[in-house]
Amino acid sequence: MTGKYYTFIVRIHDESGGKFRGQIQHIRTQEEAHFENFKDMKAFMVKHIGLPGKVVQKKDEHVV
């Protein structure tokens, strides 16, 4: 496979009432962040991947 690879460790803690919180770590820089929604987790990843501008999620694309 060609291209760049980005490695993250993501920990998600399921809380009562359908809420969750988590922690994400970028392996190369060892930088970590805490989040309470997928938007914040994705923003952390985009920051390290270096995608230009705003990332738009396609209608049929699911965030997992």
N, C-alpha and C. Protein backbone atom coordinates (compact mmCIF):
# COMPACT_ATOMS: atom_id res chain seq x y z
N MET A 1 0.84 -1.18 0.00
CA MET A 1 0.00 0.00 0.00
C MET A 1 0.88 1.24 0.00
N THR A 2 0.46 2.23 -0.74
CA THR A 2 1.19 3.48 -0.77
C THR A 2 0.38 4.56 -0.06
N GLY A 3 1.03 5.66 0.24
CA GLY A 3 0.34 6.75 0.90
C GLY A 3 0.85 6.95 2.31
N LYS A 4 0.20 7.87 3.00
CA LYS A 4 0.58 8.17 4.38
C LYS A 4 -0.32 7.42 5.35
N TYR A 5 0.23 7.13 6.49
CA TYR A 5 -0.53 6.46 7.54
C TYR A 5 -0.53 7.33 8.79
N TYR A 6 -1.65 7.37 9.46
CA TYR A 6 -1.81 8.14 10.69
C TYR A 6 -2.35 7.18 11.74
N THR A 7 -1.74 7.17 12.90
CA THR A 7 -2.15 6.22 13.94
C THR A 7 -2.63 6.96 15.17
N PHE A 8 -3.81 6.57 15.62
CA PHE A 8 -4.44 7.15 16.80
C PHE A 8 -4.90 6.03 17.71
N ILE A 9 -4.90 6.29 19.00
CA ILE A 9 -5.56 5.41 19.96
C ILE A 9 -6.77 6.19 20.45
N VAL A 10 -7.94 5.55 20.37
CA VAL A 10 -9.18 6.20 20.80
C VAL A 10 -9.82 5.33 21.88
N ARG A 11 -10.11 5.95 23.02
CA ARG A 11 -10.80 5.27 24.11
C ARG A 11 -12.14 5.96 24.31
N ILE A 12 -13.22 5.18 24.30
CA ILE A 12 -14.56 5.75 24.47
C ILE A 12 -15.20 5.09 25.68
N HIS A 13 -15.69 5.94 26.59
CA HIS A 13 -16.35 5.46 27.80
C HIS A 13 -17.84 5.75 27.66
N ASP A 14 -18.65 4.69 27.65
CA ASP A 14 -20.10 4.81 27.54
C ASP A 14 -20.67 5.16 28.91
N GLU A 15 -21.42 6.25 28.96
CA GLU A 15 -22.04 6.66 30.22
C GLU A 15 -23.55 6.49 30.13
N SER A 16 -24.21 6.63 31.23
CA SER A 16 -25.66 6.47 31.26
C SER A 16 -26.35 7.57 30.45
N GLY A 17 -27.54 7.29 29.99
CA GLY A 17 -28.32 8.28 29.26
C GLY A 17 -27.87 8.49 27.82
N GLY A 18 -27.13 7.55 27.26
CA GLY A 18 -26.70 7.67 25.88
C GLY A 18 -25.53 8.61 25.67
N LYS A 19 -24.95 9.11 26.74
CA LYS A 19 -23.81 10.01 26.62
C LYS A 19 -22.52 9.21 26.65
N PHE A 20 -21.46 9.82 26.17
CA PHE A 20 -20.16 9.19 26.21
C PHE A 20 -19.09 10.27 26.34
N ARG A 21 -17.91 9.84 26.68
CA ARG A 21 -16.76 10.72 26.70
C ARG A 21 -15.57 9.88 26.27
N GLY A 22 -14.51 10.54 25.88
CA GLY A 22 -13.38 9.74 25.41
C GLY A 22 -12.07 10.50 25.43
N GLN A 23 -11.06 9.80 25.01
CA GLN A 23 -9.71 10.33 24.94
C GLN A 23 -9.11 9.82 23.64
N ILE A 24 -8.37 10.68 22.96
CA ILE A 24 -7.70 10.30 21.72
C ILE A 24 -6.24 10.69 21.81
N GLN A 25 -5.38 9.86 21.27
CA GLN A 25 -3.95 10.13 21.30
C GLN A 25 -3.38 9.92 19.90
N HIS A 26 -2.62 10.90 19.44
CA HIS A 26 -1.90 10.79 18.17
C HIS A 26 -0.56 10.14 18.50
N ILE A 27 -0.29 9.00 17.93
CA ILE A 27 0.87 8.20 18.32
C ILE A 27 2.20 8.88 18.01
N ARG A 28 2.36 9.46 16.84
CA ARG A 28 3.66 10.04 16.48
C ARG A 28 4.05 11.19 17.39
N THR A 29 3.09 12.09 17.72
CA THR A 29 3.42 13.25 18.55
C THR A 29 3.15 13.03 20.03
N GLN A 30 2.43 11.97 20.35
CA GLN A 30 2.01 11.66 21.72
C GLN A 30 1.02 12.69 22.29
N GLU A 31 0.50 13.57 21.45
CA GLU A 31 -0.48 14.56 21.91
C GLU A 31 -1.80 13.85 22.20
N GLU A 32 -2.46 14.29 23.27
CA GLU A 32 -3.73 13.70 23.68
C GLU A 32 -4.79 14.78 23.82
N ALA A 33 -6.04 14.37 23.70
CA ALA A 33 -7.16 15.27 23.91
C ALA A 33 -8.34 14.48 24.45
N HIS A 34 -9.17 15.14 25.21
CA HIS A 34 -10.41 14.55 25.71
C HIS A 34 -11.56 15.12 24.89
N PHE A 35 -12.60 14.32 24.70
CA PHE A 35 -13.75 14.79 23.93
C PHE A 35 -15.04 14.23 24.52
N GLU A 36 -16.14 14.92 24.19
CA GLU A 36 -17.46 14.49 24.64
C GLU A 36 -18.42 14.33 23.47
N ASN A 37 -17.88 14.45 22.24
CA ASN A 37 -18.69 14.22 21.05
C ASN A 37 -17.76 13.88 19.88
N PHE A 38 -18.34 13.30 18.84
CA PHE A 38 -17.54 12.87 17.71
C PHE A 38 -16.97 14.05 16.93
N LYS A 39 -17.65 15.18 16.97
CA LYS A 39 -17.16 16.37 16.27
C LYS A 39 -15.78 16.78 16.80
N ASP A 40 -15.62 16.78 18.12
CA ASP A 40 -14.33 17.16 18.72
C ASP A 40 -13.26 16.10 18.45
N MET A 41 -13.66 14.83 18.44
CA MET A 41 -12.70 13.78 18.13
C MET A 41 -12.21 13.91 16.69
N LYS A 42 -13.15 14.16 15.79
CA LYS A 42 -12.80 14.32 14.38
C LYS A 42 -11.91 15.54 14.16
N ALA A 43 -12.19 16.64 14.86
CA ALA A 43 -11.38 17.85 14.73
C ALA A 43 -9.93 17.58 15.13
N PHE A 44 -9.74 16.80 16.18
CA PHE A 44 -8.39 16.44 16.61
C PHE A 44 -7.68 15.65 15.52
N MET A 45 -8.38 14.71 14.92
CA MET A 45 -7.79 13.89 13.86
C MET A 45 -7.45 14.74 12.63
N VAL A 46 -8.36 15.60 12.24
CA VAL A 46 -8.13 16.46 11.07
C VAL A 46 -6.91 17.35 11.30
N LYS A 47 -6.75 17.84 12.51
CA LYS A 47 -5.59 18.67 12.86
C LYS A 47 -4.29 17.93 12.59
N HIS A 48 -4.23 16.66 12.92
CA HIS A 48 -3.00 15.88 12.77
C HIS A 48 -2.82 15.32 11.36
N ILE A 49 -3.91 15.11 10.67
CA ILE A 49 -3.82 14.60 9.31
C ILE A 49 -3.46 15.73 8.35
N GLY A 50 -3.87 16.96 8.70
CA GLY A 50 -3.51 18.11 7.89
C GLY A 50 -4.38 18.31 6.67
N LEU A 51 -5.64 17.92 6.75
CA LEU A 51 -6.53 18.14 5.62
C LEU A 51 -6.82 19.64 5.49
N PRO A 52 -6.77 20.16 4.28
CA PRO A 52 -7.01 21.59 4.10
C PRO A 52 -8.49 21.95 4.23
N GLY A 53 -8.76 23.10 4.81
CA GLY A 53 -10.13 23.61 4.89
C GLY A 53 -11.07 22.76 5.69
N LYS A 54 -12.35 23.00 5.46
CA LYS A 54 -13.41 22.30 6.19
C LYS A 54 -13.65 20.93 5.58
N VAL A 55 -13.76 19.92 6.43
CA VAL A 55 -14.04 18.56 5.97
C VAL A 55 -15.54 18.36 6.01
N VAL A 56 -16.11 17.99 4.87
CA VAL A 56 -17.56 17.79 4.78
C VAL A 56 -17.83 16.29 4.76
N GLN A 57 -18.74 15.87 5.63
CA GLN A 57 -19.09 14.45 5.70
C GLN A 57 -20.17 14.17 4.68
N LYS A 58 -19.98 13.14 3.86
CA LYS A 58 -20.98 12.76 2.87
C LYS A 58 -22.21 12.22 3.57
N LYS A 59 -23.35 12.36 2.90
CA LYS A 59 -24.63 11.94 3.47
C LYS A 59 -24.63 10.47 3.88
N ASP A 60 -24.04 9.60 3.05
CA ASP A 60 -24.07 8.17 3.33
C ASP A 60 -22.86 7.69 4.13
N GLU A 61 -22.01 8.63 4.55
CA GLU A 61 -20.80 8.28 5.31
C GLU A 61 -21.13 8.26 6.80
N HIS A 62 -20.73 7.23 7.49
CA HIS A 62 -20.99 7.11 8.92
C HIS A 62 -19.70 7.28 9.70
N VAL A 63 -19.77 8.01 10.80
CA VAL A 63 -18.62 8.15 11.69
C VAL A 63 -18.70 7.03 12.69
N VAL A 64 -17.63 6.26 12.81
CA VAL A 64 -17.60 5.17 13.78
C VAL A 64 -16.52 5.39 14.79
